[in-house]
Every structure is written in C-alpha cells, then in structure tokens.
Amino acid sequence: MQRHLRSAALAFFFTLPALALCLSSLLKFHVPLPLIHPALVIGGLLAALVLSLVPIAGVHARLEDGALISDLAIKLKGSLPNLGVALLSLGLLGLIALYLFVENFQPR
C-alpha cells in the first residue's frame, strides 16, 4: 500500500507542469517558461499516466486454439490515489489535445 501511495505522489508531481500550464491562464499568474516546455508537459503527463496505471491495471494475453485472447483488469480497492492521478493525467492530455485542435483548426 505504501508503494502505491509513493507512485501516486510521484505521478502527481509529474502532472504539475501541465497543471501549471492549464491553470496559469485561468488564474492569471506567470509561470516560468522552462517549466512549461512542451516536452516537459507532455512527457510528464505520459510518465504520470504510466506510473499510475502500472499498480492498478493488469493486461493478460494468451493463445487459445490459434486465437489471441486478452483481458484487462483494473484494481479499484486500495489504489484510489493512482486512479485519480490516471484520470487527471488523461483529462489534462485531452484538454491540451482539444486546445491544439481548436487553436489550429481552419475551416476550408
């Protein structure tokens, strides 16, 4: 249990640049440019997603009569902080992707 909390805390730390980027325009505060570098923001969100999904998600695959059978299991009990950070990082990734689409969309 302690290991899951440590991984959730580290994953939340990786989401801080993206949170700062999203909240800086809403709350009108200045964020230093090295903190909101695109590689740091997107890389941090992907690292947070991986760190938070490893303790809660399990994927198993096997061959059965020539067919590939796979299943995905998500553990909810005891891993609520990891699930919260995973949802936060997915939400921030979606928000940034939506912003990139809307900002660059040009009707023809």
PDB file of N, CA and C in Angstrom:
ATOM      1  N   MET A   1       0.825  -1.197   0.000  1.00  0.00           N
ATOM      2  CA  MET A   1       0.000   0.000   0.000  1.00  0.00           C
ATOM      3  C   MET A   1       0.864   1.254   0.000  1.00  0.00           C
ATOM      4  N   GLN A   2       1.929   1.239   0.778  1.00  0.00           N
ATOM      5  CA  GLN A   2       2.823   2.394   0.843  1.00  0.00           C
ATOM      6  C   GLN A   2       3.475   2.652  -0.512  1.00  0.00           C
ATOM      7  N   ARG A   3       3.787   1.571  -1.236  1.00  0.00           N
ATOM      8  CA  ARG A   3       4.416   1.711  -2.549  1.00  0.00           C
ATOM      9  C   ARG A   3       3.448   2.359  -3.541  1.00  0.00           C
ATOM     10  N   HIS A   4       2.151   2.024  -3.435  1.00  0.00           N
ATOM     11  CA  HIS A   4       1.156   2.625  -4.319  1.00  0.00           C
ATOM     12  C   HIS A   4       1.005   4.113  -4.047  1.00  0.00           C
ATOM     13  N   LEU A   5       1.073   4.511  -2.785  1.00  0.00           N
ATOM     14  CA  LEU A   5       0.977   5.935  -2.456  1.00  0.00           C
ATOM     15  C   LEU A   5       2.200   6.696  -2.951  1.00  0.00           C
ATOM     16  N   ARG A   6       3.367   6.075  -2.865  1.00  0.00           N
ATOM     17  CA  ARG A   6       4.576   6.725  -3.373  1.00  0.00           C
ATOM     18  C   ARG A   6       4.503   6.911  -4.886  1.00  0.00           C
ATOM     19  N   SER A   7       4.031   5.897  -5.592  1.00  0.00           N
ATOM     20  CA  SER A   7       3.930   6.031  -7.049  1.00  0.00           C
ATOM     21  C   SER A   7       2.864   7.059  -7.432  1.00  0.00           C
ATOM     22  N   ALA A   8       1.775   7.151  -6.657  1.00  0.00           N
ATOM     23  CA  ALA A   8       0.753   8.167  -6.928  1.00  0.00           C
ATOM     24  C   ALA A   8       1.300   9.570  -6.676  1.00  0.00           C
ATOM     25  N   ALA A   9       2.080   9.733  -5.610  1.00  0.00           N
ATOM     26  CA  ALA A   9       2.665  11.042  -5.311  1.00  0.00           C
ATOM     27  C   ALA A   9       3.668  11.451  -6.386  1.00  0.00           C
ATOM     28  N   LEU A  10       4.487  10.512  -6.833  1.00  0.00           N
ATOM     29  CA  LEU A  10       5.448  10.813  -7.888  1.00  0.00           C
ATOM     30  C   LEU A  10       4.732  11.128  -9.205  1.00  0.00           C
ATOM     31  N   ALA A  11       3.683  10.387  -9.500  1.00  0.00           N
ATOM     32  CA  ALA A  11       2.916  10.652 -10.720  1.00  0.00           C
ATOM     33  C   ALA A  11       2.239  12.011 -10.647  1.00  0.00           C
ATOM     34  N   PHE A  12       1.727  12.380  -9.478  1.00  0.00           N
ATOM     35  CA  PHE A  12       1.122  13.710  -9.336  1.00  0.00           C
ATOM     36  C   PHE A  12       2.173  14.799  -9.518  1.00  0.00           C
ATOM     37  N   PHE A  13       3.394  14.551  -9.035  1.00  0.00           N
ATOM     38  CA  PHE A  13       4.482  15.508  -9.230  1.00  0.00           C
ATOM     39  C   PHE A  13       4.747  15.728 -10.717  1.00  0.00           C
ATOM     40  N   PHE A  14       4.642  14.667 -11.520  1.00  0.00           N
ATOM     41  CA  PHE A  14       4.861  14.792 -12.957  1.00  0.00           C
ATOM     42  C   PHE A  14       3.739  15.555 -13.662  1.00  0.00           C
ATOM     43  N   THR A  15       2.559  15.639 -13.050  1.00  0.00           N
ATOM     44  CA  THR A  15       1.464  16.393 -13.668  1.00  0.00           C
ATOM     45  C   THR A  15       1.534  17.884 -13.361  1.00  0.00           C
ATOM     46  N   LEU A  16       2.405  18.300 -12.463  1.00  0.00           N
ATOM     47  CA  LEU A  16       2.457  19.706 -12.059  1.00  0.00           C
ATOM     48  C   LEU A  16       2.750  20.682 -13.200  1.00  0.00           C
ATOM     49  N   PRO A  17       3.665  20.393 -14.138  1.00  0.00           N
ATOM     50  CA  PRO A  17       3.851  21.344 -15.251  1.00  0.00           C
ATOM     51  C   PRO A  17       2.584  21.532 -16.091  1.00  0.00           C
ATOM     52  N   ALA A  18       1.852  20.456 -16.341  1.00  0.00           N
ATOM     53  CA  ALA A  18       0.620  20.577 -17.125  1.00  0.00           C
ATOM     54  C   ALA A  18      -0.453  21.314 -16.330  1.00  0.00           C
ATOM     55  N   LEU A  19      -0.537  21.062 -15.033  1.00  0.00           N
ATOM     56  CA  LEU A  19      -1.482  21.804 -14.199  1.00  0.00           C
ATOM     57  C   LEU A  19      -1.142  23.284 -14.177  1.00  0.00           C
ATOM     58  N   ALA A  20       0.142  23.592 -14.075  1.00  0.00           N
ATOM     59  CA  ALA A  20       0.565  24.995 -14.074  1.00  0.00           C
ATOM     60  C   ALA A  20       0.227  25.660 -15.403  1.00  0.00           C
ATOM     61  N   LEU A  21       0.416  24.934 -16.496  1.00  0.00           N
ATOM     62  CA  LEU A  21       0.098  25.481 -17.816  1.00  0.00           C
ATOM     63  C   LEU A  21      -1.393  25.756 -17.953  1.00  0.00           C
ATOM     64  N   CYS A  22      -2.215  24.821 -17.533  1.00  0.00           N
ATOM     65  CA  CYS A  22      -3.670  24.980 -17.677  1.00  0.00           C
ATOM     66  C   CYS A  22      -4.228  26.024 -16.710  1.00  0.00           C
ATOM     67  N   LEU A  23      -3.701  26.077 -15.505  1.00  0.00           N
ATOM     68  CA  LEU A  23      -4.239  26.992 -14.512  1.00  0.00           C
ATOM     69  C   LEU A  23      -3.669  28.406 -14.618  1.00  0.00           C
ATOM     70  N   SER A  24      -2.522  28.561 -15.286  1.00  0.00           N
ATOM     71  CA  SER A  24      -1.906  29.884 -15.352  1.00  0.00           C
ATOM     72  C   SER A  24      -2.770  30.882 -16.121  1.00  0.00           C
ATOM     73  N   SER A  25      -3.399  30.435 -17.169  1.00  0.00           N
ATOM     74  CA  SER A  25      -4.247  31.366 -17.921  1.00  0.00           C
ATOM     75  C   SER A  25      -5.570  31.605 -17.205  1.00  0.00           C
ATOM     76  N   LEU A  26      -6.068  30.616 -16.490  1.00  0.00           N
ATOM     77  CA  LEU A  26      -7.330  30.807 -15.762  1.00  0.00           C
ATOM     78  C   LEU A  26      -7.163  31.716 -14.554  1.00  0.00           C
ATOM     79  N   LEU A  27      -6.074  31.517 -13.811  1.00  0.00           N
ATOM     80  CA  LEU A  27      -5.859  32.266 -12.577  1.00  0.00           C
ATOM     81  C   LEU A  27      -4.976  33.493 -12.762  1.00  0.00           C
ATOM     82  N   LYS A  28      -4.531  33.737 -13.999  1.00  0.00           N
ATOM     83  CA  LYS A  28      -3.732  34.914 -14.355  1.00  0.00           C
ATOM     84  C   LYS A  28      -2.453  35.045 -13.526  1.00  0.00           C
ATOM     85  N   PHE A  29      -1.640  33.975 -13.490  1.00  0.00           N
ATOM     86  CA  PHE A  29      -0.329  34.076 -12.871  1.00  0.00           C
ATOM     87  C   PHE A  29       0.723  33.640 -13.877  1.00  0.00           C
ATOM     88  N   HIS A  30       1.929  34.118 -13.676  1.00  0.00           N
ATOM     89  CA  HIS A  30       3.031  33.881 -14.601  1.00  0.00           C
ATOM     90  C   HIS A  30       3.782  32.613 -14.197  1.00  0.00           C
ATOM     91  N   VAL A  31       4.011  31.754 -15.171  1.00  0.00           N
ATOM     92  CA  VAL A  31       4.770  30.515 -14.958  1.00  0.00           C
ATOM     93  C   VAL A  31       6.075  30.652 -15.723  1.00  0.00           C
ATOM     94  N   PRO A  32       7.207  30.296 -15.107  1.00  0.00           N
ATOM     95  CA  PRO A  32       8.481  30.365 -15.836  1.00  0.00           C
ATOM     96  C   PRO A  32       8.463  29.480 -17.085  1.00  0.00           C
ATOM     97  N   LEU A  33       9.024  29.976 -18.167  1.00  0.00           N
ATOM     98  CA  LEU A  33       8.991  29.257 -19.436  1.00  0.00           C
ATOM     99  C   LEU A  33       9.645  27.873 -19.398  1.00  0.00           C
ATOM    100  N   PRO A  34      10.763  27.665 -18.682  1.00  0.00           N
ATOM    101  CA  PRO A  34      11.311  26.300 -18.660  1.00  0.00           C
ATOM    102  C   PRO A  34      10.366  25.277 -18.019  1.00  0.00           C
ATOM    103  N   LEU A  35       9.476  25.734 -17.157  1.00  0.00           N
ATOM    104  CA  LEU A  35       8.548  24.804 -16.505  1.00  0.00           C
ATOM    105  C   LEU A  35       7.458  24.335 -17.455  1.00  0.00           C
ATOM    106  N   ILE A  36       7.088  25.153 -18.426  1.00  0.00           N
ATOM    107  CA  ILE A  36       6.000  24.769 -19.323  1.00  0.00           C
ATOM    108  C   ILE A  36       6.503  24.446 -20.732  1.00  0.00           C
ATOM    109  N   HIS A  37       7.693  23.914 -20.825  1.00  0.00           N
ATOM    110  CA  HIS A  37       8.213  23.443 -22.103  1.00  0.00           C
ATOM    111  C   HIS A  37       7.341  22.276 -22.573  1.00  0.00           C
ATOM    112  N   PRO A  38       6.999  22.211 -23.852  1.00  0.00           N
ATOM    113  CA  PRO A  38       6.097  21.159 -24.327  1.00  0.00           C
ATOM    114  C   PRO A  38       6.589  19.736 -24.043  1.00  0.00           C
ATOM    115  N   ALA A  39       7.884  19.501 -24.151  1.00  0.00           N
ATOM    116  CA  ALA A  39       8.403  18.162 -23.861  1.00  0.00           C
ATOM    117  C   ALA A  39       8.223  17.813 -22.391  1.00  0.00           C
ATOM    118  N   LEU A  40       8.379  18.789 -21.532  1.00  0.00           N
ATOM    119  CA  LEU A  40       8.204  18.553 -20.097  1.00  0.00           C
ATOM    120  C   LEU A  40       6.734  18.340 -19.759  1.00  0.00           C
ATOM    121  N   VAL A  41       5.852  19.092 -20.389  1.00  0.00           N
ATOM    122  CA  VAL A  41       4.418  18.965 -20.103  1.00  0.00           C
ATOM    123  C   VAL A  41       3.882  17.626 -20.603  1.00  0.00           C
ATOM    124  N   ILE A  42       4.078  17.323 -21.872  1.00  0.00           N
ATOM    125  CA  ILE A  42       3.543  16.085 -22.446  1.00  0.00           C
ATOM    126  C   ILE A  42       4.290  14.871 -21.905  1.00  0.00           C
ATOM    127  N   GLY A  43       5.607  14.972 -21.779  1.00  0.00           N
ATOM    128  CA  GLY A  43       6.376  13.862 -21.205  1.00  0.00           C
ATOM    129  C   GLY A  43       5.991  13.586 -19.766  1.00  0.00           C
ATOM    130  N   GLY A  44       5.759  14.649 -19.000  1.00  0.00           N
ATOM    131  CA  GLY A  44       5.336  14.469 -17.614  1.00  0.00           C
ATOM    132  C   GLY A  44       3.973  13.820 -17.515  1.00  0.00           C
ATOM    133  N   LEU A  45       3.052  14.214 -18.391  1.00  0.00           N
ATOM    134  CA  LEU A  45       1.721  13.599 -18.368  1.00  0.00           C
ATOM    135  C   LEU A  45       1.771  12.126 -18.764  1.00  0.00           C
ATOM    136  N   LEU A  46       2.577  11.797 -19.761  1.00  0.00           N
ATOM    137  CA  LEU A  46       2.707  10.397 -20.157  1.00  0.00           C
ATOM    138  C   LEU A  46       3.388   9.568 -19.067  1.00  0.00           C
ATOM    139  N   ALA A  47       4.416  10.140 -18.434  1.00  0.00           N
ATOM    140  CA  ALA A  47       5.076   9.435 -17.332  1.00  0.00           C
ATOM    141  C   ALA A  47       4.129   9.246 -16.152  1.00  0.00           C
ATOM    142  N   ALA A  48       3.321  10.262 -15.864  1.00  0.00           N
ATOM    143  CA  ALA A  48       2.341  10.146 -14.778  1.00  0.00           C
ATOM    144  C   ALA A  48       1.300   9.086 -15.101  1.00  0.00           C
ATOM    145  N   LEU A  49       0.883   9.023 -16.345  1.00  0.00           N
ATOM    146  CA  LEU A  49      -0.097   8.013 -16.738  1.00  0.00           C
ATOM    147  C   LEU A  49       0.467   6.606 -16.592  1.00  0.00           C
ATOM    148  N   VAL A  50       1.695   6.415 -17.036  1.00  0.00           N
ATOM    149  CA  VAL A  50       2.315   5.088 -16.906  1.00  0.00           C
ATOM    150  C   VAL A  50       2.533   4.738 -15.437  1.00  0.00           C
ATOM    151  N   LEU A  51       3.050   5.681 -14.650  1.00  0.00           N
ATOM    152  CA  LEU A  51       3.297   5.408 -13.232  1.00  0.00           C
ATOM    153  C   LEU A  51       2.026   5.107 -12.459  1.00  0.00           C
ATOM    154  N   SER A  52       0.934   5.705 -12.839  1.00  0.00           N
ATOM    155  CA  SER A  52      -0.306   5.465 -12.104  1.00  0.00           C
ATOM    156  C   SER A  52      -1.081   4.264 -12.633  1.00  0.00           C
ATOM    157  N   LEU A  53      -0.861   3.880 -13.883  1.00  0.00           N
ATOM    158  CA  LEU A  53      -1.564   2.714 -14.417  1.00  0.00           C
ATOM    159  C   LEU A  53      -0.890   1.392 -14.067  1.00  0.00           C
ATOM    160  N   VAL A  54       0.405   1.400 -13.842  1.00  0.00           N
ATOM    161  CA  VAL A  54       1.108   0.150 -13.534  1.00  0.00           C
ATOM    162  C   VAL A  54       0.554  -0.530 -12.279  1.00  0.00           C
ATOM    163  N   PRO A  55       0.301   0.183 -11.166  1.00  0.00           N
ATOM    164  CA  PRO A  55      -0.231  -0.512  -9.990  1.00  0.00           C
ATOM    165  C   PRO A  55      -1.701  -0.927 -10.102  1.00  0.00           C
ATOM    166  N   ILE A  56      -2.478  -0.299 -10.988  1.00  0.00           N
ATOM    167  CA  ILE A  56      -3.911  -0.590 -10.990  1.00  0.00           C
ATOM    168  C   ILE A  56      -4.382  -1.413 -12.178  1.00  0.00           C
ATOM    169  N   ALA A  57      -3.619  -1.449 -13.249  1.00  0.00           N
ATOM    170  CA  ALA A  57      -4.076  -2.149 -14.450  1.00  0.00           C
ATOM    171  C   ALA A  57      -3.216  -3.377 -14.701  1.00  0.00           C
ATOM    172  N   GLY A  58      -3.868  -4.439 -15.092  1.00  0.00           N
ATOM    173  CA  GLY A  58      -3.169  -5.665 -15.459  1.00  0.00           C
ATOM    174  C   GLY A  58      -3.700  -6.169 -16.786  1.00  0.00           C
ATOM    175  N   VAL A  59      -2.813  -6.481 -17.700  1.00  0.00           N
ATOM    176  CA  VAL A  59      -3.191  -6.995 -19.007  1.00  0.00           C
ATOM    177  C   VAL A  59      -2.603  -8.389 -19.138  1.00  0.00           C
ATOM    178  N   HIS A  60      -3.442  -9.330 -19.502  1.00  0.00           N
ATOM    179  CA  HIS A  60      -3.010 -10.709 -19.680  1.00  0.00           C
ATOM    180  C   HIS A  60      -3.434 -11.166 -21.074  1.00  0.00           C
ATOM    181  N   ALA A  61      -2.522 -11.798 -21.776  1.00  0.00           N
ATOM    182  CA  ALA A  61      -2.812 -12.301 -23.117  1.00  0.00           C
ATOM    183  C   ALA A  61      -2.327 -13.739 -23.221  1.00  0.00           C
ATOM    184  N   ARG A  62      -3.097 -14.528 -23.977  1.00  0.00           N
ATOM    185  CA  ARG A  62      -2.721 -15.935 -24.167  1.00  0.00           C
ATOM    186  C   ARG A  62      -3.252 -16.396 -25.522  1.00  0.00           C
ATOM    187  N   LEU A  63      -2.622 -17.423 -26.053  1.00  0.00           N
ATOM    188  CA  LEU A  63      -3.082 -18.045 -27.290  1.00  0.00           C
ATOM    189  C   LEU A  63      -3.946 -19.243 -26.938  1.00  0.00           C
ATOM    190  N   GLU A  64      -5.111 -19.315 -27.554  1.00  0.00           N
ATOM    191  CA  GLU A  64      -6.023 -20.415 -27.282  1.00  0.00           C
ATOM    192  C   GLU A  64      -6.637 -20.861 -28.601  1.00  0.00           C
ATOM    193  N   ASP A  65      -6.251 -22.021 -29.068  1.00  0.00           N
ATOM    194  CA  ASP A  65      -6.732 -22.579 -30.337  1.00  0.00           C
ATOM    195  C   ASP A  65      -6.457 -21.642 -31.503  1.00  0.00           C
ATOM    196  N   GLY A  66      -5.289 -21.040 -31.521  1.00  0.00           N
ATOM    197  CA  GLY A  66      -4.899 -20.158 -32.610  1.00  0.00           C
ATOM    198  C   GLY A  66      -5.456 -18.750 -32.530  1.00  0.00           C
ATOM    199  N   ALA A  67      -6.203 -18.448 -31.479  1.00  0.00           N
ATOM    200  CA  ALA A  67      -6.764 -17.106 -31.321  1.00  0.00           C
ATOM    201  C   ALA A  67      -6.094 -16.428 -30.129  1.00  0.00           C
ATOM    202  N   LEU A  68      -5.852 -15.163 -30.271  1.00  0.00           N
ATOM    203  CA  LEU A  68      -5.261 -14.389 -29.189  1.00  0.00           C
ATOM    204  C   LEU A  68      -6.371 -13.906 -28.260  1.00  0.00           C
ATOM    205  N   ILE A  69      -6.321 -14.346 -27.011  1.00  0.00           N
ATOM    206  CA  ILE A  69      -7.304 -13.961 -26.002  1.00  0.00           C
ATOM    207  C   ILE A  69      -6.605 -13.044 -25.012  1.00  0.00           C
ATOM    208  N   SER A  70      -7.190 -11.873 -24.776  1.00  0.00           N
ATOM    209  CA  SER A  70      -6.582 -10.944 -23.821  1.00  0.00           C
ATOM    210  C   SER A  70      -7.666 -10.385 -22.917  1.00  0.00           C
ATOM    211  N   ASP A  71      -7.251  -9.979 -21.731  1.00  0.00           N
ATOM    212  CA  ASP A  71      -8.182  -9.349 -20.803  1.00  0.00           C
ATOM    213  C   ASP A  71      -7.469  -8.231 -20.062  1.00  0.00           C
ATOM    214  N   LEU A  72      -8.257  -7.262 -19.643  1.00  0.00           N
ATOM    215  CA  LEU A  72      -7.759  -6.106 -18.922  1.00  0.00           C
ATOM    216  C   LEU A  72      -8.452  -6.070 -17.578  1.00  0.00           C
ATOM    217  N   ALA A  73      -7.670  -5.995 -16.520  1.00  0.00           N
ATOM    218  CA  ALA A  73      -8.227  -5.927 -15.169  1.00  0.00           C
ATOM    219  C   ALA A  73      -7.772  -4.633 -14.515  1.00  0.00           C
ATOM    220  N   ILE A  74      -8.708  -3.922 -13.908  1.00  0.00           N
ATOM    221  CA  ILE A  74      -8.401  -2.681 -13.202  1.00  0.00           C
ATOM    222  C   ILE A  74      -8.766  -2.873 -11.747  1.00  0.00           C
ATOM    223  N   LYS A  75      -7.773  -2.704 -10.876  1.00  0.00           N
ATOM    224  CA  LYS A  75      -7.978  -2.879  -9.446  1.00  0.00           C
ATOM    225  C   LYS A  75      -8.386  -1.546  -8.834  1.00  0.00           C
ATOM    226  N   LEU A  76      -9.533  -1.530  -8.179  1.00  0.00           N
ATOM    227  CA  LEU A  76     -10.018  -0.295  -7.576  1.00  0.00           C
ATOM    228  C   LEU A  76      -9.725  -0.222  -6.085  1.00  0.00           C
ATOM    229  N   LYS A  77      -9.747  -1.343  -5.409  1.00  0.00           N
ATOM    230  CA  LYS A  77      -9.570  -1.343  -3.960  1.00  0.00           C
ATOM    231  C   LYS A  77      -8.114  -1.060  -3.602  1.00  0.00           C
ATOM    232  N   GLY A  78      -7.908  -0.048  -2.782  1.00  0.00           N
ATOM    233  CA  GLY A  78      -6.565   0.277  -2.311  1.00  0.00           C
ATOM    234  C   GLY A  78      -5.726   1.090  -3.262  1.00  0.00           C
ATOM    235  N   SER A  79      -6.269   1.453  -4.408  1.00  0.00           N
ATOM    236  CA  SER A  79      -5.477   2.212  -5.375  1.00  0.00           C
ATOM    237  C   SER A  79      -6.238   3.429  -5.883  1.00  0.00           C
ATOM    238  N   LEU A  80      -7.045   4.005  -5.054  1.00  0.00           N
ATOM    239  CA  LEU A  80      -7.825   5.181  -5.447  1.00  0.00           C
ATOM    240  C   LEU A  80      -6.947   6.389  -5.798  1.00  0.00           C
ATOM    241  N   PRO A  81      -5.846   6.671  -5.067  1.00  0.00           N
ATOM    242  CA  PRO A  81      -4.982   7.792  -5.489  1.00  0.00           C
ATOM    243  C   PRO A  81      -4.380   7.591  -6.882  1.00  0.00           C
ATOM    244  N   ASN A  82      -3.964   6.363  -7.196  1.00  0.00           N
ATOM    245  CA  ASN A  82      -3.420   6.100  -8.529  1.00  0.00           C
ATOM    246  C   ASN A  82      -4.483   6.265  -9.602  1.00  0.00           C
ATOM    247  N   LEU A  83      -5.694   5.841  -9.310  1.00  0.00           N
ATOM    248  CA  LEU A  83      -6.780   6.003 -10.271  1.00  0.00           C
ATOM    249  C   LEU A  83      -7.092   7.483 -10.480  1.00  0.00           C
ATOM    250  N   GLY A  84      -7.060   8.265  -9.409  1.00  0.00           N
ATOM    251  CA  GLY A  84      -7.293   9.699  -9.524  1.00  0.00           C
ATOM    252  C   GLY A  84      -6.239  10.397 -10.357  1.00  0.00           C
ATOM    253  N   VAL A  85      -4.978  10.033 -10.150  1.00  0.00           N
ATOM    254  CA  VAL A  85      -3.895  10.645 -10.930  1.00  0.00           C
ATOM    255  C   VAL A  85      -3.977  10.203 -12.385  1.00  0.00           C
ATOM    256  N   ALA A  86      -4.356   8.955 -12.631  1.00  0.00           N
ATOM    257  CA  ALA A  86      -4.507   8.483 -14.012  1.00  0.00           C
ATOM    258  C   ALA A  86      -5.618   9.258 -14.722  1.00  0.00           C
ATOM    259  N   LEU A  87      -6.740   9.463 -14.036  1.00  0.00           N
ATOM    260  CA  LEU A  87      -7.830  10.234 -14.640  1.00  0.00           C
ATOM    261  C   LEU A  87      -7.447  11.701 -14.834  1.00  0.00           C
ATOM    262  N   LEU A  88      -6.699  12.259 -13.877  1.00  0.00           N
ATOM    263  CA  LEU A  88      -6.227  13.638 -14.011  1.00  0.00           C
ATOM    264  C   LEU A  88      -5.305  13.787 -15.209  1.00  0.00           C
ATOM    265  N   SER A  89      -4.363  12.874 -15.366  1.00  0.00           N
ATOM    266  CA  SER A  89      -3.427  12.984 -16.485  1.00  0.00           C
ATOM    267  C   SER A  89      -4.136  12.755 -17.820  1.00  0.00           C
ATOM    268  N   LEU A  90      -5.103  11.824 -17.864  1.00  0.00           N
ATOM    269  CA  LEU A  90      -5.868  11.645 -19.091  1.00  0.00           C
ATOM    270  C   LEU A  90      -6.702  12.881 -19.413  1.00  0.00           C
ATOM    271  N   GLY A  91      -7.297  13.480 -18.389  1.00  0.00           N
ATOM    272  CA  GLY A  91      -8.075  14.693 -18.599  1.00  0.00           C
ATOM    273  C   GLY A  91      -7.226  15.851 -19.099  1.00  0.00           C
ATOM    274  N   LEU A  92      -6.039  16.011 -18.516  1.00  0.00           N
ATOM    275  CA  LEU A  92      -5.151  17.090 -18.963  1.00  0.00           C
ATOM    276  C   LEU A  92      -4.635  16.840 -20.377  1.00  0.00           C
ATOM    277  N   LEU A  93      -4.328  15.580 -20.701  1.00  0.00           N
ATOM    278  CA  LEU A  93      -3.919  15.264 -22.074  1.00  0.00           C
ATOM    279  C   LEU A  93      -5.043  15.573 -23.056  1.00  0.00           C
ATOM    280  N   GLY A  94      -6.266  15.225 -22.692  1.00  0.00           N
ATOM    281  CA  GLY A  94      -7.410  15.524 -23.553  1.00  0.00           C
ATOM    282  C   GLY A  94      -7.640  17.015 -23.701  1.00  0.00           C
ATOM    283  N   LEU A  95      -7.492  17.750 -22.615  1.00  0.00           N
ATOM    284  CA  LEU A  95      -7.677  19.197 -22.655  1.00  0.00           C
ATOM    285  C   LEU A  95      -6.630  19.866 -23.543  1.00  0.00           C
ATOM    286  N   ILE A  96      -5.391  19.437 -23.423  1.00  0.00           N
ATOM    287  CA  ILE A  96      -4.323  20.008 -24.252  1.00  0.00           C
ATOM    288  C   ILE A  96      -4.518  19.619 -25.715  1.00  0.00           C
ATOM    289  N   ALA A  97      -4.931  18.384 -25.985  1.00  0.00           N
ATOM    290  CA  ALA A  97      -5.199  17.968 -27.366  1.00  0.00           C
ATOM    291  C   ALA A  97      -6.362  18.752 -27.956  1.00  0.00           C
ATOM    292  N   LEU A  98      -7.409  18.979 -27.167  1.00  0.00           N
ATOM    293  CA  LEU A  98      -8.539  19.776 -27.636  1.00  0.00           C
ATOM    294  C   LEU A  98      -8.118  21.214 -27.926  1.00  0.00           C
ATOM    295  N   TYR A  99      -7.293  21.780 -27.054  1.00  0.00           N
ATOM    296  CA  TYR A  99      -6.791  23.139 -27.286  1.00  0.00           C
ATOM    297  C   TYR A  99      -5.972  23.197 -28.577  1.00  0.00           C
ATOM    298  N   LEU A 100      -5.095  22.212 -28.789  1.00  0.00           N
ATOM    299  CA  LEU A 100      -4.281  22.211 -30.012  1.00  0.00           C
ATOM    300  C   LEU A 100      -5.158  22.111 -31.255  1.00  0.00           C
ATOM    301  N   PHE A 101      -6.212  21.319 -31.188  1.00  0.00           N
ATOM    302  CA  PHE A 101      -7.104  21.191 -32.344  1.00  0.00           C
ATOM    303  C   PHE A 101      -7.847  22.499 -32.590  1.00  0.00           C
ATOM    304  N   VAL A 102      -8.443  23.067 -31.563  1.00  0.00           N
ATOM    305  CA  VAL A 102      -9.242  24.279 -31.738  1.00  0.00           C
ATOM    306  C   VAL A 102      -8.363  25.456 -32.167  1.00  0.00           C
ATOM    307  N   GLU A 103      -7.171  25.539 -31.612  1.00  0.00           N
ATOM    308  CA  GLU A 103      -6.275  26.655 -31.954  1.00  0.00           C
ATOM    309  C   GLU A 103      -5.802  26.581 -33.400  1.00  0.00           C
ATOM    310  N   ASN A 104      -5.625  25.377 -33.941  1.00  0.00           N
ATOM    311  CA  ASN A 104      -5.058  25.224 -35.279  1.00  0.00           C
ATOM    312  C   ASN A 104      -6.090  24.869 -36.332  1.00  0.00           C
ATOM    313  N   PHE A 105      -7.354  24.746 -35.981  1.00  0.00           N
ATOM    314  CA  PHE A 105      -8.384  24.365 -36.950  1.00  0.00           C
ATOM    315  C   PHE A 105      -8.723  25.553 -37.847  1.00  0.00           C
ATOM    316  N   GLN A 106      -8.743  25.284 -39.147  1.00  0.00           N
ATOM    317  CA  GLN A 106      -9.119  26.319 -40.101  1.00  0.00           C
ATOM    318  C   GLN A 106     -10.142  25.710 -41.053  1.00  0.00           C
ATOM    319  N   PRO A 107     -11.359  26.243 -41.041  1.00  0.00           N
ATOM    320  CA  PRO A 107     -12.370  25.710 -41.968  1.00  0.00           C
ATOM    321  C   PRO A 107     -11.966  25.985 -43.426  1.00  0.00           C
ATOM    322  N   ARG A 108     -12.292  25.093 -44.277  1.00  0.00           N
ATOM    323  CA  ARG A 108     -11.922  25.256 -45.711  1.00  0.00           C
ATOM    324  C   ARG A 108     -13.080  25.785 -46.488  1.00  0.00           C
TER     325      ARG A 108
END
